[in-house]
Amino acid sequence: MSESPHVPDITRLFIGAGNEFEVEVVLAGSEDMSPKEPHDYLEYIVVVTGAIILERSDEETPQKHVAPALIELPPGTVHQLDILEDDTKLVIIHPDRTV
């Protein structure tokens, strides 16, 4: 039986009358990986420090992103982040999240 990947430490801030604007601050290490998932809303990933591998359904090959980097994920894109370095910091922005 395989173990689930270790999920990074995430702090979320919701803003707006319907909590539609979300910002996540992610502190992660090399043992961390996000779940593989899509969202119904636009997502921006800012790699502030460190490095990640991003697997996404709209690209054939996973891509490495090293800080500083800005990534845009359109709604419906299945994606998964694999953290490559300890002390990786990300800011993830959902400017129009529907709850």
N, C-alpha and C. Protein backbone atom coordinates (compact mmCIF):
# COMPACT_ATOMS: atom_id res chain seq x y z
N MET A 1 0.84 -1.17 0.00
CA MET A 1 0.00 0.00 0.00
C MET A 1 0.89 1.24 0.00
N SER A 2 0.69 2.14 -0.96
CA SER A 2 1.53 3.33 -1.04
C SER A 2 0.98 4.42 -0.13
N GLU A 3 1.93 5.22 0.39
CA GLU A 3 1.54 6.32 1.25
C GLU A 3 1.11 7.52 0.41
N SER A 4 0.22 8.33 0.96
CA SER A 4 -0.16 9.58 0.30
C SER A 4 1.01 10.55 0.40
N PRO A 5 1.17 11.42 -0.61
CA PRO A 5 2.25 12.40 -0.52
C PRO A 5 2.02 13.37 0.63
N HIS A 6 3.11 13.88 1.17
CA HIS A 6 3.04 14.87 2.24
C HIS A 6 2.58 16.19 1.64
N VAL A 7 1.54 16.78 2.20
CA VAL A 7 0.99 18.04 1.70
C VAL A 7 1.70 19.20 2.41
N PRO A 8 2.08 20.25 1.67
CA PRO A 8 2.78 21.37 2.29
C PRO A 8 1.91 22.16 3.25
N ASP A 9 2.54 23.01 4.06
CA ASP A 9 1.86 23.90 4.99
C ASP A 9 1.24 25.05 4.20
N ILE A 10 -0.08 25.21 4.30
CA ILE A 10 -0.79 26.23 3.52
C ILE A 10 -1.60 27.11 4.47
N THR A 11 -1.44 28.42 4.32
CA THR A 11 -2.27 29.39 5.03
C THR A 11 -3.11 30.10 3.99
N ARG A 12 -4.43 30.15 4.22
CA ARG A 12 -5.35 30.73 3.25
C ARG A 12 -5.98 32.01 3.78
N LEU A 13 -6.16 32.97 2.88
CA LEU A 13 -6.85 34.21 3.18
C LEU A 13 -7.93 34.40 2.13
N PHE A 14 -9.17 34.55 2.57
CA PHE A 14 -10.30 34.78 1.67
C PHE A 14 -10.77 36.22 1.83
N ILE A 15 -11.01 36.89 0.71
CA ILE A 15 -11.42 38.28 0.72
C ILE A 15 -12.62 38.46 -0.21
N GLY A 16 -13.51 39.38 0.13
CA GLY A 16 -14.65 39.69 -0.71
C GLY A 16 -15.94 39.26 -0.06
N ALA A 17 -17.04 39.83 -0.54
CA ALA A 17 -18.36 39.54 0.04
C ALA A 17 -18.69 38.06 0.01
N GLY A 18 -18.26 37.38 -1.05
CA GLY A 18 -18.51 35.95 -1.17
C GLY A 18 -17.25 35.12 -1.02
N ASN A 19 -16.24 35.68 -0.37
CA ASN A 19 -14.94 35.00 -0.22
C ASN A 19 -14.37 34.55 -1.56
N GLU A 20 -14.60 35.37 -2.59
CA GLU A 20 -14.23 34.96 -3.94
C GLU A 20 -12.75 35.18 -4.28
N PHE A 21 -12.06 36.02 -3.54
CA PHE A 21 -10.63 36.25 -3.81
C PHE A 21 -9.84 35.50 -2.75
N GLU A 22 -9.01 34.54 -3.19
CA GLU A 22 -8.26 33.72 -2.24
C GLU A 22 -6.77 33.85 -2.52
N VAL A 23 -6.01 33.97 -1.45
CA VAL A 23 -4.55 33.94 -1.53
C VAL A 23 -4.06 32.84 -0.60
N GLU A 24 -3.19 31.98 -1.10
CA GLU A 24 -2.58 30.93 -0.29
C GLU A 24 -1.09 31.21 -0.18
N VAL A 25 -0.57 31.15 1.02
CA VAL A 25 0.87 31.21 1.24
C VAL A 25 1.29 29.79 1.58
N VAL A 26 2.22 29.25 0.78
CA VAL A 26 2.62 27.85 0.90
C VAL A 26 4.09 27.79 1.30
N LEU A 27 4.36 27.11 2.41
CA LEU A 27 5.71 26.83 2.86
C LEU A 27 5.92 25.34 2.70
N ALA A 28 6.91 24.95 1.88
CA ALA A 28 7.02 23.55 1.50
C ALA A 28 8.45 23.06 1.54
N GLY A 29 8.58 21.75 1.62
CA GLY A 29 9.87 21.09 1.58
C GLY A 29 9.91 20.05 0.49
N SER A 30 11.08 19.49 0.29
CA SER A 30 11.28 18.55 -0.82
C SER A 30 10.45 17.27 -0.70
N GLU A 31 9.89 17.00 0.46
CA GLU A 31 9.04 15.82 0.63
C GLU A 31 7.58 16.10 0.28
N ASP A 32 7.26 17.35 -0.05
CA ASP A 32 5.87 17.76 -0.25
C ASP A 32 5.42 17.66 -1.71
N MET A 33 4.13 17.40 -1.87
CA MET A 33 3.49 17.33 -3.18
C MET A 33 2.03 17.70 -3.00
N SER A 34 1.50 18.47 -3.94
CA SER A 34 0.08 18.83 -3.87
C SER A 34 -0.76 17.68 -4.42
N PRO A 35 -2.06 17.68 -4.10
CA PRO A 35 -2.94 16.70 -4.74
C PRO A 35 -3.06 17.01 -6.24
N LYS A 36 -3.36 16.02 -7.03
CA LYS A 36 -3.61 16.23 -8.46
C LYS A 36 -5.08 16.61 -8.58
N GLU A 37 -5.33 17.84 -9.11
CA GLU A 37 -6.70 18.35 -9.10
C GLU A 37 -6.88 19.46 -10.13
N PRO A 38 -8.13 19.68 -10.58
CA PRO A 38 -8.47 20.87 -11.37
C PRO A 38 -9.24 21.84 -10.49
N HIS A 39 -9.39 23.06 -10.96
CA HIS A 39 -10.26 24.05 -10.32
C HIS A 39 -11.15 24.65 -11.39
N ASP A 40 -12.30 25.15 -10.98
CA ASP A 40 -13.23 25.79 -11.91
C ASP A 40 -12.89 27.27 -12.09
N TYR A 41 -11.77 27.70 -11.57
CA TYR A 41 -11.41 29.11 -11.59
C TYR A 41 -9.92 29.25 -11.95
N LEU A 42 -9.56 30.44 -12.38
CA LEU A 42 -8.19 30.79 -12.74
C LEU A 42 -7.29 30.71 -11.51
N GLU A 43 -6.06 30.24 -11.73
CA GLU A 43 -5.10 30.15 -10.63
C GLU A 43 -3.75 30.68 -11.10
N TYR A 44 -3.13 31.50 -10.25
CA TYR A 44 -1.76 31.96 -10.49
C TYR A 44 -0.88 31.36 -9.41
N ILE A 45 0.27 30.84 -9.80
CA ILE A 45 1.25 30.32 -8.85
C ILE A 45 2.50 31.17 -8.98
N VAL A 46 2.93 31.75 -7.86
CA VAL A 46 4.16 32.53 -7.83
C VAL A 46 5.18 31.71 -7.03
N VAL A 47 6.27 31.34 -7.68
CA VAL A 47 7.35 30.65 -6.99
C VAL A 47 8.27 31.75 -6.45
N VAL A 48 8.23 31.95 -5.14
CA VAL A 48 8.97 33.04 -4.50
C VAL A 48 10.41 32.60 -4.21
N THR A 49 10.57 31.41 -3.63
CA THR A 49 11.89 30.82 -3.42
C THR A 49 11.80 29.33 -3.73
N GLY A 50 12.89 28.73 -4.10
CA GLY A 50 12.93 27.30 -4.34
C GLY A 50 12.58 26.92 -5.76
N ALA A 51 12.11 25.68 -5.91
CA ALA A 51 11.82 25.14 -7.24
C ALA A 51 10.73 24.07 -7.15
N ILE A 52 9.95 23.96 -8.23
CA ILE A 52 8.89 22.96 -8.31
C ILE A 52 8.91 22.31 -9.69
N ILE A 53 8.30 21.15 -9.76
CA ILE A 53 7.94 20.53 -11.03
C ILE A 53 6.42 20.63 -11.10
N LEU A 54 5.92 21.17 -12.20
CA LEU A 54 4.48 21.31 -12.39
C LEU A 54 4.03 20.39 -13.51
N GLU A 55 3.17 19.45 -13.15
CA GLU A 55 2.51 18.58 -14.14
C GLU A 55 1.14 19.18 -14.38
N ARG A 56 0.79 19.38 -15.66
CA ARG A 56 -0.50 19.96 -15.98
C ARG A 56 -1.09 19.30 -17.21
N SER A 57 -2.41 19.22 -17.25
CA SER A 57 -3.10 18.48 -18.31
C SER A 57 -3.02 19.13 -19.67
N ASP A 58 -2.66 20.42 -19.75
CA ASP A 58 -2.58 21.09 -21.04
C ASP A 58 -1.16 21.12 -21.61
N GLU A 59 -0.24 20.39 -20.98
CA GLU A 59 1.12 20.25 -21.47
C GLU A 59 1.54 18.79 -21.38
N GLU A 60 2.25 18.31 -22.39
CA GLU A 60 2.64 16.90 -22.42
C GLU A 60 3.71 16.56 -21.40
N THR A 61 4.64 17.47 -21.16
CA THR A 61 5.79 17.19 -20.31
C THR A 61 5.75 18.09 -19.08
N PRO A 62 5.94 17.51 -17.88
CA PRO A 62 6.03 18.35 -16.69
C PRO A 62 7.18 19.35 -16.83
N GLN A 63 6.99 20.55 -16.28
CA GLN A 63 7.98 21.61 -16.41
C GLN A 63 8.54 22.00 -15.03
N LYS A 64 9.84 22.28 -15.02
CA LYS A 64 10.50 22.77 -13.81
C LYS A 64 10.39 24.30 -13.80
N HIS A 65 10.04 24.84 -12.63
CA HIS A 65 9.96 26.29 -12.44
C HIS A 65 10.81 26.65 -11.24
N VAL A 66 11.75 27.57 -11.43
CA VAL A 66 12.67 28.00 -10.38
C VAL A 66 12.38 29.47 -10.07
N ALA A 67 12.43 29.81 -8.78
CA ALA A 67 12.17 31.19 -8.36
C ALA A 67 13.15 32.15 -9.01
N PRO A 68 12.67 33.30 -9.40
CA PRO A 68 11.28 33.78 -9.36
C PRO A 68 10.53 33.31 -10.61
N ALA A 69 9.29 32.89 -10.42
CA ALA A 69 8.48 32.42 -11.55
C ALA A 69 7.01 32.72 -11.29
N LEU A 70 6.30 33.00 -12.37
CA LEU A 70 4.85 33.21 -12.33
C LEU A 70 4.22 32.27 -13.34
N ILE A 71 3.24 31.49 -12.88
CA ILE A 71 2.57 30.49 -13.71
C ILE A 71 1.08 30.77 -13.69
N GLU A 72 0.45 30.73 -14.86
CA GLU A 72 -1.00 30.90 -14.96
C GLU A 72 -1.62 29.56 -15.33
N LEU A 73 -2.61 29.14 -14.56
CA LEU A 73 -3.35 27.91 -14.84
C LEU A 73 -4.79 28.26 -15.17
N PRO A 74 -5.22 28.01 -16.41
CA PRO A 74 -6.61 28.28 -16.78
C PRO A 74 -7.58 27.38 -16.00
N PRO A 75 -8.84 27.81 -15.88
CA PRO A 75 -9.84 26.96 -15.23
C PRO A 75 -9.91 25.59 -15.89
N GLY A 76 -10.10 24.55 -15.07
CA GLY A 76 -10.25 23.20 -15.58
C GLY A 76 -8.95 22.45 -15.83
N THR A 77 -7.80 23.10 -15.63
CA THR A 77 -6.51 22.45 -15.87
C THR A 77 -6.17 21.54 -14.69
N VAL A 78 -6.06 20.25 -14.95
CA VAL A 78 -5.64 19.32 -13.91
C VAL A 78 -4.14 19.55 -13.68
N HIS A 79 -3.75 19.68 -12.43
CA HIS A 79 -2.35 19.99 -12.15
C HIS A 79 -1.90 19.37 -10.83
N GLN A 80 -0.58 19.22 -10.72
CA GLN A 80 0.03 18.72 -9.49
C GLN A 80 1.42 19.35 -9.35
N LEU A 81 1.73 19.81 -8.15
CA LEU A 81 3.03 20.41 -7.85
C LEU A 81 3.88 19.43 -7.07
N ASP A 82 5.11 19.23 -7.51
CA ASP A 82 6.08 18.42 -6.78
C ASP A 82 7.19 19.38 -6.35
N ILE A 83 7.37 19.53 -5.06
CA ILE A 83 8.35 20.47 -4.52
C ILE A 83 9.73 19.84 -4.61
N LEU A 84 10.68 20.58 -5.17
CA LEU A 84 12.03 20.05 -5.39
C LEU A 84 13.04 20.44 -4.30
N GLU A 85 12.81 21.56 -3.62
CA GLU A 85 13.79 22.05 -2.67
C GLU A 85 13.13 22.35 -1.32
N ASP A 86 13.89 22.12 -0.25
CA ASP A 86 13.43 22.55 1.06
C ASP A 86 13.34 24.08 1.07
N ASP A 87 12.51 24.60 1.96
CA ASP A 87 12.32 26.04 2.11
C ASP A 87 11.77 26.70 0.85
N THR A 88 10.98 25.96 0.07
CA THR A 88 10.30 26.55 -1.08
C THR A 88 9.10 27.34 -0.57
N LYS A 89 8.95 28.54 -1.12
CA LYS A 89 7.80 29.39 -0.75
C LYS A 89 7.03 29.73 -2.01
N LEU A 90 5.71 29.55 -1.95
CA LEU A 90 4.82 29.85 -3.06
C LEU A 90 3.71 30.77 -2.59
N VAL A 91 3.22 31.58 -3.49
CA VAL A 91 1.98 32.33 -3.27
C VAL A 91 1.05 31.91 -4.39
N ILE A 92 -0.12 31.42 -4.02
CA ILE A 92 -1.10 30.96 -5.00
C ILE A 92 -2.31 31.89 -4.91
N ILE A 93 -2.72 32.40 -6.06
CA ILE A 93 -3.79 33.40 -6.10
C ILE A 93 -4.94 32.88 -6.95
N HIS A 94 -6.12 32.95 -6.37
CA HIS A 94 -7.37 32.65 -7.08
C HIS A 94 -8.17 33.95 -7.08
N PRO A 95 -8.05 34.78 -8.15
CA PRO A 95 -8.66 36.10 -8.11
C PRO A 95 -10.19 36.09 -8.21
N ASP A 96 -10.77 35.00 -8.65
CA ASP A 96 -12.23 34.97 -8.81
C ASP A 96 -12.74 33.57 -8.50
N ARG A 97 -12.44 33.11 -7.32
CA ARG A 97 -12.83 31.77 -6.89
C ARG A 97 -14.32 31.72 -6.63
N THR A 98 -14.96 30.69 -7.13
CA THR A 98 -16.36 30.45 -6.80
C THR A 98 -16.41 29.33 -5.77
N VAL A 99 -17.13 29.53 -4.73
CA VAL A 99 -17.16 28.55 -3.64
C VAL A 99 -18.34 27.64 -3.79
